[in-house]
Amino acid sequence: MDGAIVTILALLFLAFVALGVYATVKVVKATKRGVDRTIDQARRTVEDTTLRAKSIGQAGVAGELARLRLSLRTSMRATQEALKAGAVEDASLRESLDLFQRLSAHGLELDEDLKRLEKEPDRAWVAAQLPDLTARTERITGSAEALRRAARERARKFAEDDLSALSAQIDMEAGALRHWDRAESGPHAAGGTAASADPWGEPGPAATGHTTAGSGGTGAAEGPQALPPRDPRLTAYPWEKSARPESTT
């Protein structure tokens, strides 16, 4: 019996150790990914700043190469962010993401070509290549821009359709909430001799303790009850101010 208890305790200890090792490995991997992302972001920021400075401060071939690289990187990054953000709510954009990945392969190849040409000593030969490089850049950035604009227009169209449907529902609900207008214009409201049966109208005679003439004090309807006020502490929208709690003193 004691041997079985020892075995169970040993197994539990090994299970806890294995779980701790697994959790540690997961944390280390997640930390490494976070550090890698931070380093990549910092490197991209430095490269973009350098290219921006070259495109402005340098003339000739060097400035043109920097301008092409900066235009390519800016357009591709903006398209990637737009497609990834839209694909979270719109599954049809996943196909667009696949197309963008194929386009990215061409973009990366062009960026590497431009980067190598920055170190090319024969500037005259590089200048002769600029028309073709410019055309390649414009084709890639044009395709990226088409995907980006289509994704944004699609998201805007869905938002407009949803807002239109919501506005129509609100108009219907508002009309239903105003039904006392029709009730007060009915035959009972014309003579003023009967209590209002509308729960949201003005209090009837029975609610005020009086009876209508000729009724003998019977048959009066109970007056409407007021809607309970909304608790200001239950506000949950950013455009509403949270009310201070009432003092208990």
Protein backbone atom coordinates (compact mmCIF):
# COMPACT_ATOMS: atom_id res chain seq x y z
CA MET A 1 0.00 0.00 0.00
CA ASP A 2 2.85 2.38 0.91
CA GLY A 3 4.58 1.57 -2.35
CA ALA A 4 1.48 2.49 -4.36
CA ILE A 5 1.20 5.84 -2.55
CA VAL A 6 4.87 6.58 -3.24
CA THR A 7 4.38 5.70 -6.91
CA ILE A 8 1.34 7.99 -7.20
CA LEU A 9 3.19 10.84 -5.52
CA ALA A 10 6.16 10.35 -7.82
CA LEU A 11 3.91 10.39 -10.87
CA LEU A 12 2.19 13.56 -9.67
CA PHE A 13 5.58 15.19 -9.08
CA LEU A 14 6.75 14.25 -12.58
CA ALA A 15 3.47 15.58 -14.03
CA PHE A 16 3.91 18.91 -12.25
CA VAL A 17 7.53 19.12 -13.42
CA ALA A 18 6.52 18.36 -17.02
CA LEU A 19 3.74 20.96 -16.84
CA GLY A 20 6.16 23.53 -15.48
CA VAL A 21 8.69 22.81 -18.22
CA TYR A 22 5.96 23.07 -20.88
CA ALA A 23 4.73 26.39 -19.49
CA THR A 24 8.28 27.73 -19.31
CA VAL A 25 8.97 26.76 -22.92
CA LYS A 26 5.74 28.44 -24.06
CA VAL A 27 6.62 31.63 -22.19
CA VAL A 28 10.15 31.66 -23.60
CA LYS A 29 8.87 31.16 -27.15
CA ALA A 30 6.26 33.89 -26.76
CA THR A 31 8.87 36.25 -25.34
CA LYS A 32 11.23 35.45 -28.20
CA ARG A 33 8.50 36.16 -30.74
CA GLY A 34 7.76 39.46 -29.06
CA VAL A 35 11.44 40.42 -29.07
CA ASP A 36 11.77 39.42 -32.74
CA ARG A 37 8.75 41.52 -33.66
CA THR A 38 10.17 44.48 -31.77
CA ILE A 39 13.54 44.13 -33.50
CA ASP A 40 11.91 43.79 -36.93
CA GLN A 41 9.77 46.84 -36.30
CA ALA A 42 12.76 48.86 -35.17
CA ARG A 43 14.76 47.78 -38.20
CA ARG A 44 11.94 48.70 -40.57
CA THR A 45 11.59 52.09 -38.90
CA VAL A 46 15.30 52.78 -39.30
CA GLU A 47 15.27 51.68 -42.95
CA ASP A 48 12.21 53.80 -43.74
CA THR A 49 13.76 56.84 -42.06
CA THR A 50 17.01 56.34 -43.99
CA LEU A 51 15.19 55.92 -47.31
CA ARG A 52 13.08 59.01 -46.63
CA ALA A 53 16.19 61.04 -45.89
CA LYS A 54 17.92 59.79 -49.05
CA SER A 55 14.91 60.45 -51.26
CA ILE A 56 14.80 64.05 -50.03
CA GLY A 57 18.45 64.87 -49.51
CA GLN A 58 20.11 63.10 -52.43
CA ALA A 59 19.70 63.86 -56.10
CA GLY A 60 20.26 61.69 -59.13
CA VAL A 61 20.31 57.89 -59.16
CA ALA A 62 20.70 57.40 -55.40
CA GLY A 63 17.71 59.59 -54.58
CA GLU A 64 15.54 57.91 -57.24
CA LEU A 65 16.36 54.41 -55.96
CA ALA A 66 15.50 55.48 -52.43
CA ARG A 67 12.23 56.99 -53.63
CA LEU A 68 11.25 53.77 -55.43
CA ARG A 69 12.05 51.60 -52.41
CA LEU A 70 10.14 53.90 -50.06
CA SER A 71 7.09 53.98 -52.34
CA LEU A 72 7.12 50.19 -52.66
CA ARG A 73 7.46 49.52 -48.93
CA THR A 74 4.83 52.09 -47.93
CA SER A 75 2.21 50.80 -50.38
CA MET A 76 2.75 47.12 -49.58
CA ARG A 77 2.62 47.70 -45.81
CA ALA A 78 -0.58 49.73 -46.02
CA THR A 79 -2.26 47.06 -48.17
CA GLN A 80 -1.18 44.26 -45.85
CA GLU A 81 -2.57 46.04 -42.80
CA ALA A 82 -5.88 46.84 -44.54
CA LEU A 83 -6.41 43.26 -45.74
CA LYS A 84 -5.49 41.66 -42.43
CA ALA A 85 -7.78 44.01 -40.50
CA GLY A 86 -10.68 43.39 -42.89
CA ALA A 87 -10.22 39.61 -43.02
CA VAL A 88 -10.99 39.39 -39.30
CA GLU A 89 -14.66 40.26 -39.97
CA ASP A 90 -14.94 39.44 -43.70
CA ALA A 91 -13.88 35.91 -44.62
CA SER A 92 -14.04 36.67 -48.35
CA LEU A 93 -10.93 38.84 -47.99
CA ARG A 94 -8.82 35.75 -47.29
CA GLU A 95 -8.60 35.11 -51.01
CA SER A 96 -7.40 38.68 -51.43
CA LEU A 97 -4.74 37.97 -48.81
CA ASP A 98 -3.56 34.98 -50.85
CA LEU A 99 -3.25 37.20 -53.91
CA PHE A 100 -1.37 39.75 -51.86
CA GLN A 101 1.10 37.10 -50.72
CA ARG A 102 1.87 36.31 -54.34
CA LEU A 103 2.23 40.01 -55.07
CA SER A 104 4.53 40.35 -52.06
CA ALA A 105 6.95 37.86 -53.59
CA HIS A 106 7.37 40.20 -56.59
CA GLY A 107 7.66 43.17 -54.26
CA LEU A 108 10.40 41.55 -52.19
CA GLU A 109 12.30 40.62 -55.34
CA LEU A 110 12.11 44.18 -56.60
CA ASP A 111 13.18 45.59 -53.23
CA GLU A 112 16.25 43.33 -53.26
CA ASP A 113 17.11 44.46 -56.78
CA LEU A 114 16.84 48.10 -55.78
CA LYS A 115 18.93 47.48 -52.67
CA ARG A 116 21.71 45.85 -54.72
CA LEU A 117 21.68 48.71 -57.21
CA GLU A 118 22.30 51.17 -54.39
CA LYS A 119 25.79 49.66 -54.07
CA GLU A 120 26.45 49.45 -57.83
CA PRO A 121 29.45 51.67 -58.71
CA ASP A 122 28.47 52.10 -62.36
CA ARG A 123 25.92 54.87 -61.91
CA ALA A 124 25.44 55.35 -65.64
CA TRP A 125 24.34 51.74 -66.05
CA VAL A 126 22.01 52.05 -63.04
CA ALA A 127 20.48 55.19 -64.54
CA ALA A 128 19.72 53.24 -67.71
CA GLN A 129 17.81 50.68 -65.61
CA LEU A 130 15.65 53.26 -63.85
CA PRO A 131 12.78 53.35 -66.42
CA ASP A 132 12.26 49.59 -66.14
CA LEU A 133 12.58 49.69 -62.34
CA THR A 134 10.06 52.53 -62.16
CA ALA A 135 7.59 50.62 -64.32
CA ARG A 136 7.93 47.49 -62.15
CA THR A 137 7.40 49.54 -59.01
CA GLU A 138 4.31 51.22 -60.40
CA ARG A 139 2.80 47.90 -61.50
CA ILE A 140 3.26 46.34 -58.08
CA THR A 141 2.12 49.38 -56.11
CA GLY A 142 -0.84 49.83 -58.47
CA SER A 143 -1.99 46.25 -57.86
CA ALA A 144 -1.53 46.70 -54.11
CA GLU A 145 -3.51 49.93 -54.19
CA ALA A 146 -6.35 48.22 -56.11
CA LEU A 147 -6.61 45.51 -53.45
CA ARG A 148 -6.44 48.07 -50.64
CA ARG A 149 -9.12 50.35 -52.07
CA ALA A 150 -11.44 47.44 -52.89
CA ALA A 151 -11.16 46.12 -49.33
CA ARG A 152 -11.90 49.54 -47.83
CA GLU A 153 -14.81 50.22 -50.19
CA ARG A 154 -16.27 46.80 -49.36
CA ALA A 155 -16.04 47.48 -45.62
CA ARG A 156 -17.59 50.94 -46.07
CA LYS A 157 -20.46 49.49 -48.17
CA PHE A 158 -21.23 46.88 -45.51
CA ALA A 159 -21.18 49.56 -42.82
CA GLU A 160 -23.56 51.77 -44.83
CA ASP A 161 -25.96 48.85 -45.45
CA ASP A 162 -25.97 47.96 -41.77
CA LEU A 163 -26.58 51.57 -40.80
CA SER A 164 -29.47 51.85 -43.28
CA ALA A 165 -31.12 48.71 -41.91
CA LEU A 166 -30.60 49.92 -38.34
CA SER A 167 -32.07 53.34 -39.17
CA ALA A 168 -35.16 51.70 -40.69
CA GLN A 169 -35.67 49.57 -37.58
CA ILE A 170 -35.26 52.62 -35.34
CA ASP A 171 -37.83 54.55 -37.40
CA MET A 172 -40.31 51.69 -37.01
CA GLU A 173 -39.68 51.50 -33.28
CA ALA A 174 -40.03 55.27 -32.92
CA GLY A 175 -43.36 55.12 -34.72
CA ALA A 176 -44.54 52.37 -32.40
CA LEU A 177 -43.51 54.38 -29.35
CA ARG A 178 -45.59 57.35 -30.58
CA HIS A 179 -48.85 55.34 -30.74
CA TRP A 180 -50.47 57.68 -28.17
CA ASP A 181 -50.93 60.25 -30.96
CA ARG A 182 -53.35 57.91 -32.70
CA ALA A 183 -55.01 56.90 -29.43
CA GLU A 184 -55.67 60.48 -28.33
CA SER A 185 -57.22 61.34 -31.68
CA GLY A 186 -59.79 58.50 -31.28
CA PRO A 187 -63.47 58.81 -30.26
CA HIS A 188 -62.76 58.60 -26.52
CA ALA A 189 -60.45 61.61 -26.60
CA ALA A 190 -62.88 63.76 -28.61
CA GLY A 191 -65.62 64.07 -25.94
CA GLY A 192 -63.33 64.10 -22.94
CA THR A 193 -65.90 62.07 -20.98
CA ALA A 194 -63.97 58.83 -20.58
CA ALA A 195 -60.68 57.97 -18.97
CA SER A 196 -57.80 57.40 -21.30
CA ALA A 197 -56.99 53.74 -21.83
CA ASP A 198 -53.53 54.64 -23.13
CA PRO A 199 -50.96 53.63 -20.48
CA TRP A 200 -48.59 56.40 -21.65
CA GLY A 201 -51.13 59.26 -21.96
CA GLU A 202 -52.20 61.90 -19.47
CA PRO A 203 -53.72 60.66 -16.18
CA GLY A 204 -57.45 59.97 -16.46
CA PRO A 205 -60.13 61.05 -14.00
CA ALA A 206 -59.75 57.90 -11.93
CA ALA A 207 -56.08 58.64 -11.39
CA THR A 208 -56.90 62.07 -9.96
CA GLY A 209 -59.69 60.86 -7.66
CA HIS A 210 -62.54 62.41 -9.72
CA THR A 211 -65.21 60.90 -11.95
CA THR A 212 -66.61 62.11 -15.21
CA ALA A 213 -70.03 63.66 -15.34
CA GLY A 214 -72.83 61.14 -15.48
CA SER A 215 -70.62 58.20 -14.67
CA GLY A 216 -71.80 57.93 -11.06
CA GLY A 217 -68.28 57.33 -9.87
CA THR A 218 -68.01 53.93 -11.55
CA GLY A 219 -66.26 52.56 -14.62
CA ALA A 220 -63.31 54.98 -14.47
CA ALA A 221 -60.07 53.51 -15.76
CA GLU A 222 -56.93 53.64 -13.73
CA GLY A 223 -54.47 56.37 -14.82
CA PRO A 224 -51.17 55.55 -16.48
CA GLN A 225 -48.06 54.83 -14.53
CA ALA A 226 -44.91 56.84 -15.26
CA LEU A 227 -41.91 55.09 -16.77
CA PRO A 228 -39.23 54.39 -14.16
CA PRO A 229 -36.23 56.72 -14.56
CA ARG A 230 -33.06 55.20 -16.02
CA ASP A 231 -30.30 54.52 -13.53
CA PRO A 232 -27.49 56.89 -14.62
CA ARG A 233 -24.94 54.53 -13.11
CA LEU A 234 -25.69 51.92 -15.81
CA THR A 235 -24.31 54.01 -18.66
CA ALA A 236 -21.94 52.09 -20.91
CA TYR A 237 -21.34 54.27 -23.96
CA PRO A 238 -18.27 56.47 -24.47
CA TRP A 239 -20.37 59.50 -25.29
CA GLU A 240 -22.29 59.30 -22.00
CA LYS A 241 -20.97 60.78 -18.77
CA SER A 242 -21.00 58.52 -15.76
CA ALA A 243 -23.06 60.05 -12.96
CA ARG A 244 -21.55 60.36 -9.53
CA PRO A 245 -23.04 58.02 -6.91
CA GLU A 246 -25.45 59.67 -4.51
CA SER A 247 -24.06 60.56 -1.11
CA THR A 248 -25.27 58.37 1.73
CA THR A 249 -24.72 61.06 4.36
